[in-house]
Amino acid sequence: MQDDKTNADPDHLDRLIREPEAADYLGYSVRALQNWRLRGGGPRFVRVSRRSIRYRRRDLNAWANGRMASSTADSTSASNPSGDEPHRGVKALRRDPRRSAWVEES
């Protein structure tokens, strides 16, 4: 993920980059970054203003390196790659056909 610019510019890893450049740097879509910000589990970001998001290459590298795996049996699951619990405190719901409603699982 590093390139020749790192040697020429000592601030290369810490300079703030726009969302499209961050997505290209990681090889993901801008939409993926947006989803990770909403749901959690994505790379750290800087909220410059209400509608302006920036990333640091150093944080993108750290996030990608934290997801290194040698097999699919590694400890983090595919459904929760960050290993955290973004929905902690939310009760599971199930559909109750008798009442045509969603109810909390007991």
N, C-alpha and C. Protein backbone atom coordinates (compact mmCIF):
# COMPACT_ATOMS: atom_id res chain seq x y z
N MET A 1 0.79 -1.18 0.00
CA MET A 1 0.00 0.00 0.00
C MET A 1 0.84 1.26 0.00
N GLN A 2 2.11 1.15 0.31
CA GLN A 2 2.97 2.30 0.25
C GLN A 2 3.58 2.41 -1.13
N ASP A 3 3.91 3.63 -1.52
CA ASP A 3 4.52 3.83 -2.82
C ASP A 3 5.73 4.73 -2.67
N ASP A 4 6.31 5.15 -3.80
CA ASP A 4 7.53 5.96 -3.78
C ASP A 4 7.31 7.33 -3.17
N LYS A 5 6.08 7.82 -3.09
CA LYS A 5 5.81 9.14 -2.52
C LYS A 5 6.19 9.19 -1.04
N THR A 6 6.15 8.06 -0.36
CA THR A 6 6.47 8.02 1.07
C THR A 6 7.89 8.50 1.31
N ASN A 7 8.83 8.10 0.46
CA ASN A 7 10.22 8.51 0.63
C ASN A 7 10.41 9.99 0.34
N ALA A 8 9.70 10.54 -0.63
CA ALA A 8 9.86 11.94 -1.02
C ALA A 8 9.14 12.88 -0.07
N ASP A 9 8.06 12.44 0.54
CA ASP A 9 7.22 13.30 1.39
C ASP A 9 7.04 12.64 2.75
N PRO A 10 7.72 13.17 3.78
CA PRO A 10 7.61 12.53 5.10
C PRO A 10 6.21 12.59 5.70
N ASP A 11 5.36 13.51 5.23
CA ASP A 11 3.99 13.63 5.75
C ASP A 11 2.98 12.82 4.95
N HIS A 12 3.45 12.03 4.01
CA HIS A 12 2.56 11.30 3.11
C HIS A 12 1.54 10.45 3.86
N LEU A 13 1.96 9.74 4.89
CA LEU A 13 1.06 8.85 5.62
C LEU A 13 0.08 9.60 6.52
N ASP A 14 0.42 10.82 6.92
CA ASP A 14 -0.43 11.58 7.85
C ASP A 14 -1.29 12.63 7.16
N ARG A 15 -1.07 12.88 5.89
CA ARG A 15 -1.86 13.88 5.18
C ARG A 15 -3.29 13.37 4.99
N LEU A 16 -4.27 14.25 5.19
CA LEU A 16 -5.68 13.87 5.02
C LEU A 16 -6.01 13.74 3.55
N ILE A 17 -6.70 12.65 3.21
CA ILE A 17 -7.11 12.42 1.83
C ILE A 17 -8.62 12.30 1.77
N ARG A 18 -9.16 12.61 0.60
CA ARG A 18 -10.61 12.57 0.40
C ARG A 18 -11.10 11.12 0.32
N GLU A 19 -12.39 10.98 0.48
CA GLU A 19 -13.03 9.66 0.49
C GLU A 19 -12.75 8.84 -0.79
N PRO A 20 -12.87 9.42 -2.00
CA PRO A 20 -12.60 8.61 -3.20
C PRO A 20 -11.15 8.11 -3.27
N GLU A 21 -10.21 8.94 -2.82
CA GLU A 21 -8.82 8.51 -2.82
C GLU A 21 -8.58 7.40 -1.79
N ALA A 22 -9.24 7.51 -0.63
CA ALA A 22 -9.13 6.47 0.40
C ALA A 22 -9.71 5.15 -0.11
N ALA A 23 -10.85 5.22 -0.78
CA ALA A 23 -11.46 4.01 -1.33
C ALA A 23 -10.55 3.37 -2.37
N ASP A 24 -9.98 4.18 -3.23
CA ASP A 24 -9.06 3.67 -4.25
C ASP A 24 -7.81 3.07 -3.60
N TYR A 25 -7.30 3.71 -2.57
CA TYR A 25 -6.12 3.24 -1.85
C TYR A 25 -6.34 1.84 -1.28
N LEU A 26 -7.55 1.60 -0.75
CA LEU A 26 -7.88 0.29 -0.17
C LEU A 26 -8.37 -0.72 -1.19
N GLY A 27 -8.82 -0.22 -2.35
CA GLY A 27 -9.38 -1.12 -3.35
C GLY A 27 -10.85 -1.43 -3.10
N TYR A 28 -11.53 -0.55 -2.40
CA TYR A 28 -12.95 -0.70 -2.14
C TYR A 28 -13.70 0.48 -2.76
N SER A 29 -15.01 0.41 -2.71
CA SER A 29 -15.83 1.51 -3.23
C SER A 29 -16.04 2.57 -2.15
N VAL A 30 -16.40 3.77 -2.58
CA VAL A 30 -16.76 4.83 -1.64
C VAL A 30 -17.95 4.38 -0.81
N ARG A 31 -18.88 3.69 -1.43
CA ARG A 31 -20.07 3.18 -0.73
C ARG A 31 -19.67 2.24 0.42
N ALA A 32 -18.65 1.42 0.21
CA ALA A 32 -18.19 0.52 1.29
C ALA A 32 -17.69 1.33 2.47
N LEU A 33 -16.90 2.38 2.22
CA LEU A 33 -16.42 3.24 3.31
C LEU A 33 -17.60 3.89 4.04
N GLN A 34 -18.58 4.34 3.29
CA GLN A 34 -19.75 4.97 3.90
C GLN A 34 -20.50 3.97 4.78
N ASN A 35 -20.67 2.76 4.29
CA ASN A 35 -21.35 1.73 5.09
C ASN A 35 -20.58 1.41 6.36
N TRP A 36 -19.26 1.30 6.27
CA TRP A 36 -18.46 1.02 7.46
C TRP A 36 -18.57 2.15 8.47
N ARG A 37 -18.61 3.39 8.00
CA ARG A 37 -18.76 4.50 8.95
C ARG A 37 -20.10 4.42 9.66
N LEU A 38 -21.12 4.03 8.95
CA LEU A 38 -22.46 3.94 9.52
C LEU A 38 -22.58 2.77 10.49
N ARG A 39 -22.07 1.63 10.10
CA ARG A 39 -22.25 0.39 10.88
C ARG A 39 -21.10 0.08 11.82
N GLY A 40 -19.97 0.72 11.61
CA GLY A 40 -18.79 0.42 12.42
C GLY A 40 -17.94 -0.65 11.76
N GLY A 41 -16.71 -0.77 12.19
CA GLY A 41 -15.82 -1.79 11.68
C GLY A 41 -14.89 -1.32 10.58
N GLY A 42 -15.02 -0.10 10.13
CA GLY A 42 -14.17 0.42 9.07
C GLY A 42 -12.96 1.14 9.62
N PRO A 43 -12.16 1.71 8.73
CA PRO A 43 -10.98 2.45 9.18
C PRO A 43 -11.36 3.75 9.90
N ARG A 44 -10.46 4.21 10.75
CA ARG A 44 -10.67 5.49 11.44
C ARG A 44 -10.76 6.60 10.41
N PHE A 45 -11.52 7.63 10.72
CA PHE A 45 -11.68 8.75 9.79
C PHE A 45 -11.73 10.05 10.57
N VAL A 46 -11.61 11.15 9.85
CA VAL A 46 -11.67 12.48 10.43
C VAL A 46 -12.91 13.17 9.88
N ARG A 47 -13.77 13.63 10.78
CA ARG A 47 -14.95 14.38 10.35
C ARG A 47 -14.56 15.86 10.39
N VAL A 48 -14.23 16.39 9.23
CA VAL A 48 -13.80 17.79 9.12
C VAL A 48 -14.98 18.72 9.37
N SER A 49 -16.11 18.37 8.82
CA SER A 49 -17.35 19.11 9.04
C SER A 49 -18.50 18.11 8.92
N ARG A 50 -19.71 18.60 9.00
CA ARG A 50 -20.87 17.70 8.96
C ARG A 50 -20.89 16.83 7.71
N ARG A 51 -20.44 17.38 6.57
CA ARG A 51 -20.50 16.64 5.31
C ARG A 51 -19.14 16.35 4.70
N SER A 52 -18.08 16.58 5.46
CA SER A 52 -16.74 16.40 4.92
C SER A 52 -15.96 15.37 5.74
N ILE A 53 -15.62 14.27 5.10
CA ILE A 53 -14.91 13.17 5.75
C ILE A 53 -13.53 13.04 5.09
N ARG A 54 -12.51 12.82 5.91
CA ARG A 54 -11.16 12.60 5.39
C ARG A 54 -10.56 11.39 6.09
N TYR A 55 -9.55 10.82 5.47
CA TYR A 55 -8.83 9.66 6.00
C TYR A 55 -7.34 9.95 5.98
N ARG A 56 -6.59 9.27 6.85
CA ARG A 56 -5.13 9.30 6.81
C ARG A 56 -4.67 7.93 6.31
N ARG A 57 -3.68 7.94 5.43
CA ARG A 57 -3.14 6.67 4.91
C ARG A 57 -2.64 5.78 6.04
N ARG A 58 -2.09 6.40 7.09
CA ARG A 58 -1.59 5.63 8.23
C ARG A 58 -2.74 4.83 8.86
N ASP A 59 -3.92 5.44 9.00
CA ASP A 59 -5.07 4.74 9.57
C ASP A 59 -5.60 3.67 8.63
N LEU A 60 -5.55 3.93 7.33
CA LEU A 60 -6.00 2.93 6.35
C LEU A 60 -5.08 1.71 6.39
N ASN A 61 -3.76 1.96 6.49
CA ASN A 61 -2.80 0.85 6.60
C ASN A 61 -3.03 0.05 7.87
N ALA A 62 -3.23 0.74 8.99
CA ALA A 62 -3.44 0.05 10.27
C ALA A 62 -4.71 -0.80 10.22
N TRP A 63 -5.77 -0.25 9.63
CA TRP A 63 -7.02 -1.01 9.52
C TRP A 63 -6.83 -2.26 8.67
N ALA A 64 -6.18 -2.11 7.53
CA ALA A 64 -5.96 -3.26 6.64
C ALA A 64 -5.05 -4.29 7.31
N ASN A 65 -3.99 -3.83 7.95
CA ASN A 65 -3.07 -4.76 8.62
C ASN A 65 -3.75 -5.49 9.77
N GLY A 66 -4.72 -4.87 10.41
CA GLY A 66 -5.45 -5.51 11.50
C GLY A 66 -6.38 -6.62 11.03
N ARG A 67 -6.58 -6.70 9.73
CA ARG A 67 -7.46 -7.74 9.18
C ARG A 67 -6.70 -8.84 8.45
N MET A 68 -5.40 -8.86 8.65
CA MET A 68 -4.59 -9.90 8.02
C MET A 68 -4.97 -11.26 8.60
N ALA A 69 -5.07 -12.24 7.76
CA ALA A 69 -5.43 -13.59 8.20
C ALA A 69 -4.66 -14.60 7.37
N SER A 70 -4.41 -15.75 7.94
CA SER A 70 -3.72 -16.80 7.20
C SER A 70 -4.67 -17.89 6.75
N SER A 71 -5.89 -17.89 7.32
CA SER A 71 -6.89 -18.85 6.88
C SER A 71 -8.27 -18.33 7.25
N THR A 72 -9.30 -18.97 6.71
CA THR A 72 -10.67 -18.55 7.03
C THR A 72 -11.07 -18.98 8.45
N ALA A 73 -10.26 -19.78 9.10
CA ALA A 73 -10.56 -20.25 10.45
C ALA A 73 -10.02 -19.31 11.52
N ASP A 74 -9.44 -18.17 11.10
CA ASP A 74 -8.93 -17.21 12.09
C ASP A 74 -10.06 -16.72 12.97
N SER A 75 -9.72 -16.09 14.09
CA SER A 75 -10.67 -15.80 15.16
C SER A 75 -11.81 -14.85 14.79
N THR A 76 -11.62 -13.90 13.87
CA THR A 76 -12.71 -12.98 13.55
C THR A 76 -13.62 -13.61 12.52
N SER A 77 -14.90 -13.34 12.64
CA SER A 77 -15.85 -13.92 11.71
C SER A 77 -16.06 -13.00 10.52
N ALA A 78 -16.52 -13.55 9.42
CA ALA A 78 -16.77 -12.76 8.22
C ALA A 78 -17.91 -11.78 8.43
N SER A 79 -18.86 -12.13 9.28
CA SER A 79 -19.99 -11.24 9.51
C SER A 79 -19.65 -10.08 10.43
N ASN A 80 -18.56 -10.21 11.19
CA ASN A 80 -18.14 -9.15 12.10
C ASN A 80 -16.62 -9.05 12.06
N PRO A 81 -16.04 -8.55 10.95
CA PRO A 81 -14.60 -8.58 10.79
C PRO A 81 -13.84 -7.72 11.79
N SER A 82 -14.48 -6.74 12.39
CA SER A 82 -13.78 -5.88 13.33
C SER A 82 -13.62 -6.55 14.68
N GLY A 83 -14.41 -7.59 14.95
CA GLY A 83 -14.33 -8.27 16.22
C GLY A 83 -15.07 -7.54 17.34
N ASP A 84 -15.60 -6.35 17.05
CA ASP A 84 -16.34 -5.64 18.08
C ASP A 84 -17.81 -6.01 17.99
N GLU A 85 -18.60 -5.46 18.87
CA GLU A 85 -20.03 -5.75 18.89
C GLU A 85 -20.81 -4.47 18.65
N PRO A 86 -21.01 -4.08 17.39
CA PRO A 86 -21.67 -2.80 17.13
C PRO A 86 -23.12 -2.76 17.57
N HIS A 87 -23.77 -3.91 17.75
CA HIS A 87 -25.18 -3.95 18.10
C HIS A 87 -25.40 -4.41 19.53
N ARG A 88 -24.44 -4.14 20.37
CA ARG A 88 -24.53 -4.53 21.77
C ARG A 88 -25.76 -3.87 22.39
N GLY A 89 -26.55 -4.63 23.14
CA GLY A 89 -27.72 -4.09 23.80
C GLY A 89 -28.98 -4.19 22.96
N VAL A 90 -28.87 -4.55 21.71
CA VAL A 90 -30.03 -4.70 20.85
C VAL A 90 -30.54 -6.12 20.98
N LYS A 91 -31.80 -6.26 21.27
CA LYS A 91 -32.37 -7.60 21.44
C LYS A 91 -32.72 -8.21 20.09
N ALA A 92 -32.60 -9.51 20.02
CA ALA A 92 -32.96 -10.22 18.79
C ALA A 92 -34.48 -10.22 18.62
N LEU A 93 -34.92 -10.05 17.40
CA LEU A 93 -36.34 -10.06 17.10
C LEU A 93 -36.69 -11.26 16.24
N ARG A 94 -37.92 -11.72 16.38
CA ARG A 94 -38.41 -12.78 15.51
C ARG A 94 -39.83 -12.44 15.10
N ARG A 95 -40.23 -12.96 13.98
CA ARG A 95 -41.58 -12.71 13.47
C ARG A 95 -42.55 -13.67 14.13
N ASP A 96 -43.61 -13.13 14.73
CA ASP A 96 -44.64 -13.95 15.35
C ASP A 96 -45.82 -14.01 14.38
N PRO A 97 -46.03 -15.17 13.73
CA PRO A 97 -47.09 -15.26 12.72
C PRO A 97 -48.50 -15.13 13.31
N ARG A 98 -48.67 -15.47 14.58
CA ARG A 98 -50.00 -15.35 15.20
C ARG A 98 -50.43 -13.90 15.35
N ARG A 99 -49.46 -13.04 15.62
CA ARG A 99 -49.80 -11.63 15.84
C ARG A 99 -49.40 -10.76 14.65
N SER A 100 -48.78 -11.35 13.63
CA SER A 100 -48.28 -10.59 12.48
C SER A 100 -47.44 -9.41 12.93
N ALA A 101 -46.54 -9.68 13.86
CA ALA A 101 -45.69 -8.62 14.39
C ALA A 101 -44.34 -9.18 14.75
N TRP A 102 -43.38 -8.28 14.92
CA TRP A 102 -42.06 -8.65 15.40
C TRP A 102 -42.06 -8.58 16.92
N VAL A 103 -41.50 -9.61 17.55
CA VAL A 103 -41.42 -9.64 19.01
C VAL A 103 -40.00 -9.97 19.43
N GLU A 104 -39.64 -9.57 20.65
CA GLU A 104 -38.30 -9.87 21.17
C GLU A 104 -38.20 -11.35 21.46
N GLU A 105 -37.02 -11.90 21.15
CA GLU A 105 -36.77 -13.31 21.46
C GLU A 105 -36.63 -13.47 22.96
N SER A 106 -37.13 -14.58 23.48
CA SER A 106 -37.02 -14.79 24.92
C SER A 106 -35.88 -15.72 25.23
